[in-house]
Amino acid sequence: MRKQVYAKRKQVARSSVIFLLIVSLLIYMCVKVDKAIRPDLCALCVAETQHFAANVMAQSVEDVLEQQPVQYEDLAVLQRDANGNVTSVETRTEKVNQLQSALLREIQQNLKDCRDVELRVSLGTATGIWLFAGKGPYVKVRLMPIGSANVKLISKLESAGVNQTCHTIQAKVTANIQAAIPFSQTTAEIEYDYLLTETVIVGNVPEFYFEYGSEQAKK
């Protein structure tokens, strides 16, 4: 009787040890896989967040320009001398400020509306193995805008050929968005440039450009 009880206890102990070994092995494998995949998963989350936010910014700018169409003459005026050479590029400050404020409000509101938006990222893609790309379980990525976006209109003069200069006015938008995944989070910095107007100036022009919002021209 005692031998049967001892044998039964020994079998239970052996089963418990095997069970603990299996559990320990599974935990060890999960930790190793997590450590191997998480950096790529975070990088993938940042890329997806940047792509999503850039689309939001682009749509925001297009919506504002649809409501408030702008031409080159609305934002800048070329001053010429008696020989027809461009002596300076003067900005229409009031129009520039209005457009910059409208863009900022629209982008801020659209990014705010994206708070808690969830994207899905494939774990197969995070492994970096092309065979598993787009496959496997998906991880939810929750977006949370951080702070406020920044909008700056930049005016630039660049050579466009012999005796020609291209003057472009762009909207440069920057924002920070936090992407949260299970047990981790990353911060993505998004930069988006949108060409507002462009014109080609024929003749000599001064070799500088203005950056709206800056107090001095840049050589």
C-alpha atoms as a PDB file:
ATOM      1  CA  MET A   1       0.000   0.000   0.000  1.00  0.00           C
ATOM      2  CA  ARG A   2       2.779   2.345   0.964  1.00  0.00           C
ATOM      3  CA  LYS A   3       4.604   1.513  -2.264  1.00  0.00           C
ATOM      4  CA  GLN A   4       1.527   2.406  -4.282  1.00  0.00           C
ATOM      5  CA  VAL A   5       1.140   5.735  -2.461  1.00  0.00           C
ATOM      6  CA  TYR A   6       4.860   6.483  -2.928  1.00  0.00           C
ATOM      7  CA  ALA A   7       4.721   5.561  -6.605  1.00  0.00           C
ATOM      8  CA  LYS A   8       1.652   7.752  -7.103  1.00  0.00           C
ATOM      9  CA  ARG A   9       3.314  10.721  -5.382  1.00  0.00           C
ATOM     10  CA  LYS A  10       6.439  10.177  -7.427  1.00  0.00           C
ATOM     11  CA  GLN A  11       4.392  10.160 -10.615  1.00  0.00           C
ATOM     12  CA  VAL A  12       2.580  13.361  -9.604  1.00  0.00           C
ATOM     13  CA  ALA A  13       5.905  15.022  -8.750  1.00  0.00           C
ATOM     14  CA  ARG A  14       7.372  13.948 -12.097  1.00  0.00           C
ATOM     15  CA  SER A  15       4.318  15.263 -13.954  1.00  0.00           C
ATOM     16  CA  SER A  16       4.541  18.572 -12.060  1.00  0.00           C
ATOM     17  CA  VAL A  17       8.225  18.937 -12.922  1.00  0.00           C
ATOM     18  CA  ILE A  18       7.551  18.194 -16.594  1.00  0.00           C
ATOM     19  CA  PHE A  19       4.665  20.665 -16.589  1.00  0.00           C
ATOM     20  CA  LEU A  20       6.840  23.387 -15.012  1.00  0.00           C
ATOM     21  CA  LEU A  21       9.620  22.690 -17.502  1.00  0.00           C
ATOM     22  CA  ILE A  22       7.204  23.002 -20.418  1.00  0.00           C
ATOM     23  CA  VAL A  23       5.749  26.239 -19.021  1.00  0.00           C
ATOM     24  CA  SER A  24       9.232  27.620 -18.379  1.00  0.00           C
ATOM     25  CA  LEU A  25      10.298  26.687 -21.908  1.00  0.00           C
ATOM     26  CA  LEU A  26       7.231  28.380 -23.391  1.00  0.00           C
ATOM     27  CA  ILE A  27       7.840  31.531 -21.351  1.00  0.00           C
ATOM     28  CA  TYR A  28      11.493  31.536 -22.379  1.00  0.00           C
ATOM     29  CA  MET A  29      10.561  31.168 -26.043  1.00  0.00           C
ATOM     30  CA  CYS A  30       7.961  33.934 -25.800  1.00  0.00           C
ATOM     31  CA  VAL A  31      10.503  36.276 -24.202  1.00  0.00           C
ATOM     32  CA  LYS A  32      13.095  35.473 -26.871  1.00  0.00           C
ATOM     33  CA  VAL A  33      10.587  35.958 -29.700  1.00  0.00           C
ATOM     34  CA  ASP A  34       9.322  39.190 -28.134  1.00  0.00           C
ATOM     35  CA  LYS A  35      12.875  40.504 -27.757  1.00  0.00           C
ATOM     36  CA  ALA A  36      13.626  39.621 -31.371  1.00  0.00           C
ATOM     37  CA  ILE A  37      10.426  41.009 -32.877  1.00  0.00           C
ATOM     38  CA  ARG A  38       9.648  44.055 -30.711  1.00  0.00           C
ATOM     39  CA  PRO A  39      12.257  46.435 -32.226  1.00  0.00           C
ATOM     40  CA  ASP A  40      10.994  45.654 -35.739  1.00  0.00           C
ATOM     41  CA  LEU A  41       7.406  45.865 -34.526  1.00  0.00           C
ATOM     42  CA  CYS A  42       8.025  49.322 -33.034  1.00  0.00           C
ATOM     43  CA  ALA A  43       9.733  50.468 -36.232  1.00  0.00           C
ATOM     44  CA  LEU A  44       6.789  49.187 -38.255  1.00  0.00           C
ATOM     45  CA  CYS A  45       4.375  51.014 -35.944  1.00  0.00           C
ATOM     46  CA  VAL A  46       6.307  54.259 -36.446  1.00  0.00           C
ATOM     47  CA  ALA A  47       6.217  53.803 -40.233  1.00  0.00           C
ATOM     48  CA  GLU A  48       2.473  53.100 -40.235  1.00  0.00           C
ATOM     49  CA  THR A  49       1.849  56.072 -37.946  1.00  0.00           C
ATOM     50  CA  GLN A  50       3.884  58.403 -40.168  1.00  0.00           C
ATOM     51  CA  HIS A  51       2.042  57.199 -43.260  1.00  0.00           C
ATOM     52  CA  PHE A  52      -1.360  57.659 -41.632  1.00  0.00           C
ATOM     53  CA  ALA A  53      -0.539  61.100 -40.197  1.00  0.00           C
ATOM     54  CA  ALA A  54       0.952  62.323 -43.492  1.00  0.00           C
ATOM     55  CA  ASN A  55      -2.310  61.441 -45.245  1.00  0.00           C
ATOM     56  CA  VAL A  56      -4.255  63.356 -42.587  1.00  0.00           C
ATOM     57  CA  MET A  57      -2.011  66.397 -43.048  1.00  0.00           C
ATOM     58  CA  ALA A  58      -2.270  66.253 -46.849  1.00  0.00           C
ATOM     59  CA  GLN A  59      -6.054  66.040 -46.710  1.00  0.00           C
ATOM     60  CA  SER A  60      -6.164  68.920 -44.221  1.00  0.00           C
ATOM     61  CA  VAL A  61      -4.112  71.178 -46.493  1.00  0.00           C
ATOM     62  CA  GLU A  62      -6.225  70.254 -49.518  1.00  0.00           C
ATOM     63  CA  ASP A  63      -9.432  71.020 -47.606  1.00  0.00           C
ATOM     64  CA  VAL A  64      -8.155  74.472 -46.615  1.00  0.00           C
ATOM     65  CA  LEU A  65      -6.977  75.302 -50.142  1.00  0.00           C
ATOM     66  CA  GLU A  66     -10.326  74.168 -51.518  1.00  0.00           C
ATOM     67  CA  GLN A  67     -12.070  76.604 -49.192  1.00  0.00           C
ATOM     68  CA  GLN A  68      -9.470  79.359 -49.601  1.00  0.00           C
ATOM     69  CA  PRO A  69      -7.800  79.059 -53.042  1.00  0.00           C
ATOM     70  CA  VAL A  70      -4.484  80.922 -53.245  1.00  0.00           C
ATOM     71  CA  GLN A  71      -2.409  82.158 -56.148  1.00  0.00           C
ATOM     72  CA  TYR A  72       1.233  83.178 -56.175  1.00  0.00           C
ATOM     73  CA  GLU A  73       0.273  86.863 -56.206  1.00  0.00           C
ATOM     74  CA  ASP A  74      -1.755  86.352 -53.021  1.00  0.00           C
ATOM     75  CA  LEU A  75       1.362  85.449 -51.042  1.00  0.00           C
ATOM     76  CA  ALA A  76       4.265  87.292 -52.666  1.00  0.00           C
ATOM     77  CA  VAL A  77       5.043  90.349 -54.767  1.00  0.00           C
ATOM     78  CA  LEU A  78       8.173  90.779 -56.895  1.00  0.00           C
ATOM     79  CA  GLN A  79       9.783  94.209 -56.716  1.00  0.00           C
ATOM     80  CA  ARG A  80      11.803  95.206 -59.789  1.00  0.00           C
ATOM     81  CA  ASP A  81      14.191  98.026 -60.643  1.00  0.00           C
ATOM     82  CA  ALA A  82      14.122 100.236 -63.722  1.00  0.00           C
ATOM     83  CA  ASN A  83      15.868  97.524 -65.763  1.00  0.00           C
ATOM     84  CA  GLY A  84      13.284  94.919 -64.870  1.00  0.00           C
ATOM     85  CA  ASN A  85      15.564  92.970 -62.528  1.00  0.00           C
ATOM     86  CA  VAL A  86      14.015  91.586 -59.362  1.00  0.00           C
ATOM     87  CA  THR A  87      15.338  93.480 -56.354  1.00  0.00           C
ATOM     88  CA  SER A  88      13.322  91.797 -53.633  1.00  0.00           C
ATOM     89  CA  VAL A  89      10.510  89.395 -52.882  1.00  0.00           C
ATOM     90  CA  GLU A  90       7.972  90.956 -50.557  1.00  0.00           C
ATOM     91  CA  THR A  91       5.456  88.809 -48.741  1.00  0.00           C
ATOM     92  CA  ARG A  92       1.840  89.684 -48.216  1.00  0.00           C
ATOM     93  CA  THR A  93       2.023  89.238 -44.461  1.00  0.00           C
ATOM     94  CA  GLU A  94      -1.704  89.414 -43.783  1.00  0.00           C
ATOM     95  CA  LYS A  95      -2.557  86.721 -46.337  1.00  0.00           C
ATOM     96  CA  VAL A  96       0.355  84.548 -45.221  1.00  0.00           C
ATOM     97  CA  ASN A  97      -0.735  84.754 -41.580  1.00  0.00           C
ATOM     98  CA  GLN A  98      -4.352  83.973 -42.474  1.00  0.00           C
ATOM     99  CA  LEU A  99      -3.389  80.936 -44.527  1.00  0.00           C
ATOM    100  CA  GLN A 100      -0.949  79.691 -41.889  1.00  0.00           C
ATOM    101  CA  SER A 101      -3.583  80.015 -39.152  1.00  0.00           C
ATOM    102  CA  ALA A 102      -6.226  78.257 -41.244  1.00  0.00           C
ATOM    103  CA  LEU A 103      -3.862  75.373 -42.002  1.00  0.00           C
ATOM    104  CA  LEU A 104      -2.881  75.063 -38.358  1.00  0.00           C
ATOM    105  CA  ARG A 105      -6.486  74.982 -37.135  1.00  0.00           C
ATOM    106  CA  GLU A 106      -7.532  72.383 -39.706  1.00  0.00           C
ATOM    107  CA  ILE A 107      -4.561  70.120 -39.072  1.00  0.00           C
ATOM    108  CA  GLN A 108      -4.876  70.402 -35.296  1.00  0.00           C
ATOM    109  CA  GLN A 109      -8.555  69.492 -35.416  1.00  0.00           C
ATOM    110  CA  ASN A 110      -8.060  66.548 -37.773  1.00  0.00           C
ATOM    111  CA  LEU A 111      -5.193  65.159 -35.702  1.00  0.00           C
ATOM    112  CA  LYS A 112      -7.285  65.604 -32.560  1.00  0.00           C
ATOM    113  CA  ASP A 113     -10.096  63.640 -34.201  1.00  0.00           C
ATOM    114  CA  CYS A 114      -7.594  60.824 -34.792  1.00  0.00           C
ATOM    115  CA  ARG A 115      -6.981  60.351 -31.065  1.00  0.00           C
ATOM    116  CA  ASP A 116      -7.469  56.704 -30.112  1.00  0.00           C
ATOM    117  CA  VAL A 117      -7.671  55.651 -33.776  1.00  0.00           C
ATOM    118  CA  GLU A 118      -6.490  52.065 -34.066  1.00  0.00           C
ATOM    119  CA  LEU A 119      -4.277  50.719 -36.826  1.00  0.00           C
ATOM    120  CA  ARG A 120      -3.423  47.055 -37.341  1.00  0.00           C
ATOM    121  CA  VAL A 121       0.093  45.720 -37.829  1.00  0.00           C
ATOM    122  CA  SER A 122       0.858  42.146 -38.863  1.00  0.00           C
ATOM    123  CA  LEU A 123       3.264  40.221 -36.632  1.00  0.00           C
ATOM    124  CA  GLY A 124       4.393  38.336 -39.715  1.00  0.00           C
ATOM    125  CA  THR A 125       5.526  41.610 -41.268  1.00  0.00           C
ATOM    126  CA  ALA A 126       7.325  42.548 -38.049  1.00  0.00           C
ATOM    127  CA  THR A 127       9.510  39.441 -38.317  1.00  0.00           C
ATOM    128  CA  GLY A 128      11.191  40.932 -41.358  1.00  0.00           C
ATOM    129  CA  ILE A 129      10.755  37.678 -43.292  1.00  0.00           C
ATOM    130  CA  TRP A 130       9.095  38.404 -46.635  1.00  0.00           C
ATOM    131  CA  LEU A 131       7.393  35.007 -46.634  1.00  0.00           C
ATOM    132  CA  PHE A 132       5.393  36.015 -43.550  1.00  0.00           C
ATOM    133  CA  ALA A 133       4.630  39.580 -44.689  1.00  0.00           C
ATOM    134  CA  GLY A 134       0.994  40.485 -44.084  1.00  0.00           C
ATOM    135  CA  LYS A 135       0.346  37.183 -42.326  1.00  0.00           C
ATOM    136  CA  GLY A 136      -0.106  35.996 -38.778  1.00  0.00           C
ATOM    137  CA  PRO A 137      -2.034  37.645 -35.940  1.00  0.00           C
ATOM    138  CA  TYR A 138      -2.438  41.415 -35.965  1.00  0.00           C
ATOM    139  CA  VAL A 139      -1.421  43.857 -33.240  1.00  0.00           C
ATOM    140  CA  LYS A 140      -3.564  46.917 -32.634  1.00  0.00           C
ATOM    141  CA  VAL A 141      -1.772  50.278 -32.649  1.00  0.00           C
ATOM    142  CA  ARG A 142      -3.521  53.159 -30.883  1.00  0.00           C
ATOM    143  CA  LEU A 143      -2.626  56.699 -31.944  1.00  0.00           C
ATOM    144  CA  MET A 144      -2.365  59.637 -29.554  1.00  0.00           C
ATOM    145  CA  PRO A 145      -1.247  63.077 -30.831  1.00  0.00           C
ATOM    146  CA  ILE A 146       1.311  64.705 -28.504  1.00  0.00           C
ATOM    147  CA  GLY A 147       1.358  68.456 -28.011  1.00  0.00           C
ATOM    148  CA  SER A 148       0.431  70.599 -30.987  1.00  0.00           C
ATOM    149  CA  ALA A 149       1.268  70.574 -34.660  1.00  0.00           C
ATOM    150  CA  ASN A 150       3.411  73.274 -36.219  1.00  0.00           C
ATOM    151  CA  VAL A 151       2.863  74.898 -39.599  1.00  0.00           C
ATOM    152  CA  LYS A 152       5.445  77.088 -41.301  1.00  0.00           C
ATOM    153  CA  LEU A 153       5.273  78.640 -44.763  1.00  0.00           C
ATOM    154  CA  ILE A 154       8.658  78.640 -46.472  1.00  0.00           C
ATOM    155  CA  SER A 155       9.548  80.768 -49.476  1.00  0.00           C
ATOM    156  CA  LYS A 156      12.577  79.659 -51.467  1.00  0.00           C
ATOM    157  CA  LEU A 157      14.432  80.863 -54.564  1.00  0.00           C
ATOM    158  CA  GLU A 158      16.363  78.242 -56.547  1.00  0.00           C
ATOM    159  CA  SER A 159      18.134  78.267 -59.883  1.00  0.00           C
ATOM    160  CA  ALA A 160      15.990  76.815 -62.682  1.00  0.00           C
ATOM    161  CA  GLY A 161      18.383  77.236 -65.606  1.00  0.00           C
ATOM    162  CA  VAL A 162      20.201  80.011 -67.441  1.00  0.00           C
ATOM    163  CA  ASN A 163      18.981  83.351 -66.135  1.00  0.00           C
ATOM    164  CA  GLN A 164      15.923  81.697 -64.591  1.00  0.00           C
ATOM    165  CA  THR A 165      14.932  81.248 -60.970  1.00  0.00           C
ATOM    166  CA  CYS A 166      12.164  79.108 -59.524  1.00  0.00           C
ATOM    167  CA  HIS A 167      10.340  80.656 -56.577  1.00  0.00           C
ATOM    168  CA  THR A 168       8.363  78.162 -54.508  1.00  0.00           C
ATOM    169  CA  ILE A 169       6.193  78.634 -51.454  1.00  0.00           C
ATOM    170  CA  GLN A 170       5.659  75.524 -49.361  1.00  0.00           C
ATOM    171  CA  ALA A 171       3.790  74.626 -46.200  1.00  0.00           C
ATOM    172  CA  LYS A 172       5.988  72.619 -43.826  1.00  0.00           C
ATOM    173  CA  VAL A 173       3.953  70.720 -41.246  1.00  0.00           C
ATOM    174  CA  THR A 174       5.415  68.874 -38.263  1.00  0.00           C
ATOM    175  CA  ALA A 175       3.736  66.934 -35.466  1.00  0.00           C
ATOM    176  CA  ASN A 176       4.474  64.246 -32.891  1.00  0.00           C
ATOM    177  CA  ILE A 177       2.186  61.249 -32.505  1.00  0.00           C
ATOM    178  CA  GLN A 178       2.488  58.492 -29.942  1.00  0.00           C
ATOM    179  CA  ALA A 179       1.747  54.947 -31.065  1.00  0.00           C
ATOM    180  CA  ALA A 180       0.827  52.542 -28.275  1.00  0.00           C
ATOM    181  CA  ILE A 181       1.093  48.772 -28.650  1.00  0.00           C
ATOM    182  CA  PRO A 182       0.728  46.123 -25.920  1.00  0.00           C
ATOM    183  CA  PHE A 183       3.375  46.668 -23.216  1.00  0.00           C
ATOM    184  CA  SER A 184       5.169  49.329 -25.256  1.00  0.00           C
ATOM    185  CA  GLN A 185       4.809  52.673 -26.971  1.00  0.00           C
ATOM    186  CA  THR A 186       6.747  54.681 -29.517  1.00  0.00           C
ATOM    187  CA  THR A 187       6.765  58.303 -30.626  1.00  0.00           C
ATOM    188  CA  ALA A 188       6.749  59.189 -34.307  1.00  0.00           C
ATOM    189  CA  GLU A 189       7.786  62.616 -35.572  1.00  0.00           C
ATOM    190  CA  ILE A 190       5.985  63.432 -38.796  1.00  0.00           C
ATOM    191  CA  GLU A 191       7.150  66.039 -41.302  1.00  0.00           C
ATOM    192  CA  TYR A 192       5.112  66.878 -44.357  1.00  0.00           C
ATOM    193  CA  ASP A 193       5.886  69.419 -47.093  1.00  0.00           C
ATOM    194  CA  TYR A 194       3.134  70.697 -49.361  1.00  0.00           C
ATOM    195  CA  LEU A 195       3.821  72.879 -52.393  1.00  0.00           C
ATOM    196  CA  LEU A 196       1.421  75.832 -52.350  1.00  0.00           C
ATOM    197  CA  THR A 197       2.582  77.928 -55.306  1.00  0.00           C
ATOM    198  CA  GLU A 198       5.429  77.978 -57.791  1.00  0.00           C
ATOM    199  CA  THR A 199       6.588  80.462 -60.414  1.00  0.00           C
ATOM    200  CA  VAL A 200       9.612  80.865 -62.677  1.00  0.00           C
ATOM    201  CA  ILE A 201      11.288  84.287 -62.678  1.00  0.00           C
ATOM    202  CA  VAL A 202      13.224  85.300 -65.788  1.00  0.00           C
ATOM    203  CA  GLY A 203      16.127  87.682 -65.154  1.00  0.00           C
ATOM    204  CA  ASN A 204      18.555  88.399 -62.339  1.00  0.00           C
ATOM    205  CA  VAL A 205      17.288  87.868 -58.807  1.00  0.00           C
ATOM    206  CA  PRO A 206      18.901  88.333 -55.390  1.00  0.00           C
ATOM    207  CA  GLU A 207      20.512  85.158 -54.023  1.00  0.00           C
ATOM    208  CA  PHE A 208      18.459  84.658 -50.887  1.00  0.00           C
ATOM    209  CA  TYR A 209      15.147  83.318 -49.742  1.00  0.00           C
ATOM    210  CA  PHE A 210      12.758  84.245 -46.966  1.00  0.00           C
ATOM    211  CA  GLU A 211      11.413  81.826 -44.408  1.00  0.00           C
ATOM    212  CA  TYR A 212       8.097  83.100 -43.140  1.00  0.00           C
ATOM    213  CA  GLY A 213       8.144  83.533 -39.414  1.00  0.00           C
ATOM    214  CA  SER A 214      11.897  84.182 -39.380  1.00  0.00           C
ATOM    215  CA  GLU A 215      13.314  87.635 -38.746  1.00  0.00           C
ATOM    216  CA  GLN A 216      16.133  87.413 -41.264  1.00  0.00           C
ATOM    217  CA  ALA A 217      16.694  86.173 -44.771  1.00  0.00           C
ATOM    218  CA  LYS A 218      18.957  83.180 -45.378  1.00  0.00           C
ATOM    219  CA  LYS A 219      21.894  83.300 -47.761  1.00  0.00           C
END
